[in-house]
Amino acid sequence: MIMLNPEKIALFIVLATILCAAPGPTMFFTISQGLTKVRARAVAGICGTVSANSIWVLSSALGIGVIIRDSNLLFSILQYSGAAYLLYLGISTIVKAKEENHQLAVNKSSTLISVYRQGFLTTMTNPKALLCHLSFLPQFVGDSTSFALETLFWGLGFICIIIVVMGCYAILANRLAHHVGSQKFQVNSKRVVGLGLISASFAVIKT
């Protein structure tokens, strides 16, 4: 049985919220989708993020994450592939910032699948996401139950907070895009987000 107390839960919520809200690839990607004014795109991106985090939580619970972290080869592959993907995503966001506004209605279903895939890969190839789960979740795992079960429990809570925080980012970006309204603002905002993704790619290399 998992032993819980209000203080432990409150501390977890506060720390997890701070971690999720910190600037990073997932935040920049979520904002970029919120700026499109199409809520379904933001939802699809968040679903991709949640899927990737679920895999990292499961891998942490099963000990697979530790193997990846301790293997120089596996961690380097994850690190450099993640950096390369973020660099590609950032450049793509900047290049397509202007033309995307005219193409959102075309092939909507395939677009949502693409956004989901981008959200998934942005998180899945981010070594910081793995390190976050490996360093943060174990701090709340006690001795009263199995490590795997309790890691899954806290991991589920962490994923719930991710949904809330990324949802807030998406809503704020969506409302800002609707409030300002001008195409020039949307284009410039996406270019700024693209630069954020590019800077995040260099930060991943330094992980």
Protein backbone atom coordinates (compact mmCIF):
# COMPACT_ATOMS: atom_id res chain seq x y z
CA MET A 1 0.00 0.00 0.00
CA ILE A 2 1.29 3.46 -0.93
CA MET A 3 1.54 5.69 2.14
CA LEU A 4 0.60 9.30 1.45
CA ASN A 5 0.35 12.45 3.51
CA PRO A 6 -0.87 15.96 2.61
CA GLU A 7 2.56 17.54 3.01
CA LYS A 8 4.19 15.07 0.64
CA ILE A 9 1.46 15.51 -1.96
CA ALA A 10 1.61 19.32 -1.72
CA LEU A 11 5.40 19.30 -2.11
CA PHE A 12 5.13 17.00 -5.12
CA ILE A 13 2.54 19.23 -6.81
CA VAL A 14 4.60 22.40 -6.26
CA LEU A 15 7.91 20.92 -7.44
CA ALA A 16 6.35 19.08 -10.39
CA THR A 17 4.56 22.24 -11.50
CA ILE A 18 7.82 24.21 -11.40
CA LEU A 19 9.60 21.52 -13.44
CA CYS A 20 6.81 21.33 -16.02
CA ALA A 21 6.49 25.12 -16.35
CA ALA A 22 10.23 25.69 -16.84
CA PRO A 23 11.18 26.82 -20.36
CA GLY A 24 12.14 23.94 -22.61
CA PRO A 25 11.40 22.13 -25.87
CA THR A 26 7.94 20.93 -24.81
CA MET A 27 6.89 24.40 -23.68
CA PHE A 28 8.06 26.05 -26.92
CA PHE A 29 6.38 23.37 -29.03
CA THR A 30 3.08 23.66 -27.15
CA ILE A 31 3.06 27.44 -27.49
CA SER A 32 3.76 27.15 -31.22
CA GLN A 33 0.65 25.01 -31.64
CA GLY A 34 -1.46 27.32 -29.48
CA LEU A 35 -0.51 30.25 -31.69
CA THR A 36 -2.08 28.55 -34.72
CA LYS A 37 -5.57 29.35 -33.30
CA VAL A 38 -6.55 25.72 -33.90
CA ARG A 39 -7.15 24.12 -30.51
CA ALA A 40 -7.11 20.60 -31.92
CA ARG A 41 -3.45 21.06 -32.89
CA ALA A 42 -2.50 22.01 -29.34
CA VAL A 43 -4.45 19.03 -27.99
CA ALA A 44 -2.75 16.69 -30.46
CA GLY A 45 0.67 18.02 -29.48
CA ILE A 46 -0.05 17.60 -25.76
CA CYS A 47 -1.26 14.04 -26.40
CA GLY A 48 2.06 13.30 -28.10
CA THR A 49 3.93 14.77 -25.14
CA VAL A 50 1.89 12.72 -22.68
CA SER A 51 2.51 9.53 -24.67
CA ALA A 52 6.27 10.08 -24.60
CA ASN A 53 6.27 10.89 -20.88
CA SER A 54 4.25 7.75 -20.21
CA ILE A 55 6.98 5.70 -21.87
CA TRP A 56 9.68 7.44 -19.80
CA VAL A 57 7.71 6.83 -16.58
CA LEU A 58 7.32 3.15 -17.44
CA SER A 59 10.99 2.83 -18.37
CA SER A 60 11.97 4.48 -15.09
CA ALA A 61 9.76 2.09 -13.12
CA LEU A 62 11.21 -0.95 -14.90
CA GLY A 63 14.81 0.25 -14.61
CA ILE A 64 15.28 0.71 -18.36
CA GLY A 65 15.82 4.44 -17.94
CA VAL A 66 18.80 3.81 -15.65
CA ILE A 67 20.37 1.56 -18.29
CA ILE A 68 20.04 4.30 -20.92
CA ARG A 69 21.40 6.95 -18.56
CA ASP A 70 24.43 4.86 -17.58
CA SER A 71 25.28 3.82 -21.14
CA ASN A 72 27.46 6.43 -22.83
CA LEU A 73 26.49 5.13 -26.27
CA LEU A 74 22.72 4.97 -25.71
CA PHE A 75 22.59 8.31 -23.91
CA SER A 76 24.71 9.99 -26.60
CA ILE A 77 22.42 8.62 -29.32
CA LEU A 78 19.40 10.00 -27.47
CA GLN A 79 21.15 13.30 -26.79
CA TYR A 80 22.34 14.04 -30.33
CA SER A 81 19.23 12.73 -32.08
CA GLY A 82 17.13 14.90 -29.77
CA ALA A 83 19.26 17.97 -30.47
CA ALA A 84 19.11 17.34 -34.21
CA TYR A 85 15.33 16.96 -34.14
CA LEU A 86 14.85 20.15 -32.11
CA LEU A 87 17.12 22.01 -34.50
CA TYR A 88 15.08 20.73 -37.45
CA LEU A 89 11.80 21.60 -35.70
CA GLY A 90 13.02 25.11 -34.86
CA ILE A 91 14.19 25.85 -38.40
CA SER A 92 11.00 24.35 -39.81
CA THR A 93 8.88 26.52 -37.50
CA ILE A 94 10.66 29.67 -38.67
CA VAL A 95 10.56 28.79 -42.36
CA LYS A 96 6.90 27.75 -42.34
CA ALA A 97 5.69 30.50 -39.98
CA LYS A 98 4.15 32.55 -42.79
CA GLU A 99 2.81 29.87 -45.13
CA GLU A 100 1.30 27.72 -42.37
CA ASN A 101 -1.50 30.21 -41.69
CA HIS A 102 -2.86 29.58 -45.18
CA GLN A 103 -2.66 25.80 -45.02
CA LEU A 104 -4.27 24.83 -41.70
CA ALA A 105 -7.50 23.78 -43.31
CA VAL A 106 -5.81 21.45 -45.77
CA ASN A 107 -5.58 17.76 -44.79
CA LYS A 108 -6.63 18.51 -41.21
CA SER A 109 -6.57 14.88 -40.04
CA SER A 110 -3.08 14.26 -41.40
CA THR A 111 -1.96 17.57 -39.89
CA LEU A 112 -3.13 16.48 -36.42
CA ILE A 113 -1.29 13.18 -36.78
CA SER A 114 1.83 15.11 -37.75
CA VAL A 115 1.47 17.42 -34.74
CA TYR A 116 0.99 14.41 -32.45
CA ARG A 117 4.15 12.85 -33.87
CA GLN A 118 6.10 16.07 -33.39
CA GLY A 119 4.93 16.37 -29.78
CA PHE A 120 5.89 12.76 -29.14
CA LEU A 121 9.35 13.05 -30.70
CA THR A 122 10.07 16.40 -29.04
CA THR A 123 9.71 14.78 -25.62
CA MET A 124 10.90 11.27 -26.47
CA THR A 125 14.22 12.46 -27.88
CA ASN A 126 14.84 14.92 -25.04
CA PRO A 127 17.36 13.40 -22.59
CA LYS A 128 16.35 15.98 -20.00
CA ALA A 129 12.90 14.38 -19.86
CA LEU A 130 14.53 11.04 -18.98
CA LEU A 131 16.84 12.60 -16.39
CA CYS A 132 13.89 14.47 -14.87
CA HIS A 133 11.98 11.24 -14.29
CA LEU A 134 15.04 9.41 -12.97
CA SER A 135 16.06 12.15 -10.53
CA PHE A 136 12.69 13.59 -9.47
CA LEU A 137 10.28 10.67 -9.04
CA PRO A 138 12.55 8.49 -6.82
CA GLN A 139 12.62 11.27 -4.21
CA PHE A 140 8.97 10.51 -3.42
CA VAL A 141 9.26 6.73 -3.46
CA GLY A 142 9.18 5.26 0.04
CA ASP A 143 10.00 1.83 1.43
CA SER A 144 6.44 0.69 2.07
CA THR A 145 5.82 -0.77 -1.39
CA SER A 146 7.62 -1.88 -4.52
CA PHE A 147 9.73 0.71 -6.31
CA ALA A 148 8.04 0.07 -9.64
CA LEU A 149 4.49 0.46 -8.33
CA GLU A 150 5.18 3.68 -6.48
CA THR A 151 7.18 5.14 -9.36
CA LEU A 152 4.20 4.50 -11.63
CA PHE A 153 1.91 6.18 -9.11
CA TRP A 154 3.96 9.36 -8.85
CA GLY A 155 4.65 9.23 -12.58
CA LEU A 156 0.92 9.28 -13.26
CA GLY A 157 0.61 12.32 -11.02
CA PHE A 158 3.47 13.99 -12.88
CA ILE A 159 1.77 13.34 -16.23
CA CYS A 160 -1.47 14.89 -14.91
CA ILE A 161 0.46 18.03 -13.99
CA ILE A 162 2.06 18.08 -17.44
CA ILE A 163 -1.41 18.05 -19.00
CA VAL A 164 -2.55 20.97 -16.82
CA VAL A 165 0.58 23.10 -17.31
CA MET A 166 0.88 22.51 -21.06
CA GLY A 167 -2.86 23.06 -21.39
CA CYS A 168 -2.46 26.46 -19.72
CA TYR A 169 0.38 27.38 -22.07
CA ALA A 170 -1.70 26.36 -25.09
CA ILE A 171 -4.77 28.28 -23.90
CA LEU A 172 -2.76 31.43 -23.18
CA ALA A 173 -1.04 31.27 -26.58
CA ASN A 174 -4.38 30.62 -28.31
CA ARG A 175 -6.10 33.54 -26.59
CA LEU A 176 -3.17 35.84 -27.28
CA ALA A 177 -3.27 34.92 -30.97
CA HIS A 178 -7.02 35.58 -31.12
CA HIS A 179 -6.74 38.81 -29.12
CA VAL A 180 -3.98 40.36 -31.21
CA GLY A 181 -5.33 38.84 -34.40
CA SER A 182 -2.81 40.21 -36.88
CA GLN A 183 -1.01 37.78 -39.15
CA LYS A 184 2.24 39.65 -38.63
CA PHE A 185 2.06 39.00 -34.87
CA GLN A 186 1.44 35.29 -35.40
CA VAL A 187 4.32 34.98 -37.87
CA ASN A 188 6.75 36.84 -35.60
CA SER A 189 5.60 34.86 -32.56
CA LYS A 190 6.22 31.56 -34.34
CA ARG A 191 9.65 32.75 -35.39
CA VAL A 192 10.48 33.55 -31.76
CA VAL A 193 9.25 30.09 -30.74
CA GLY A 194 11.39 28.61 -33.53
CA LEU A 195 14.43 30.38 -32.13
CA GLY A 196 13.51 28.99 -28.71
CA LEU A 197 13.50 25.46 -30.10
CA ILE A 198 16.87 26.04 -31.76
CA SER A 199 18.36 27.32 -28.50
CA ALA A 200 16.86 24.29 -26.73
CA SER A 201 18.67 22.00 -29.17
CA PHE A 202 22.02 23.45 -28.06
CA ALA A 203 20.98 23.15 -24.40
CA VAL A 204 20.28 19.43 -24.95
CA ILE A 205 23.86 18.91 -26.17
CA LYS A 206 25.11 20.34 -22.88
CA THR A 207 22.93 17.96 -20.82
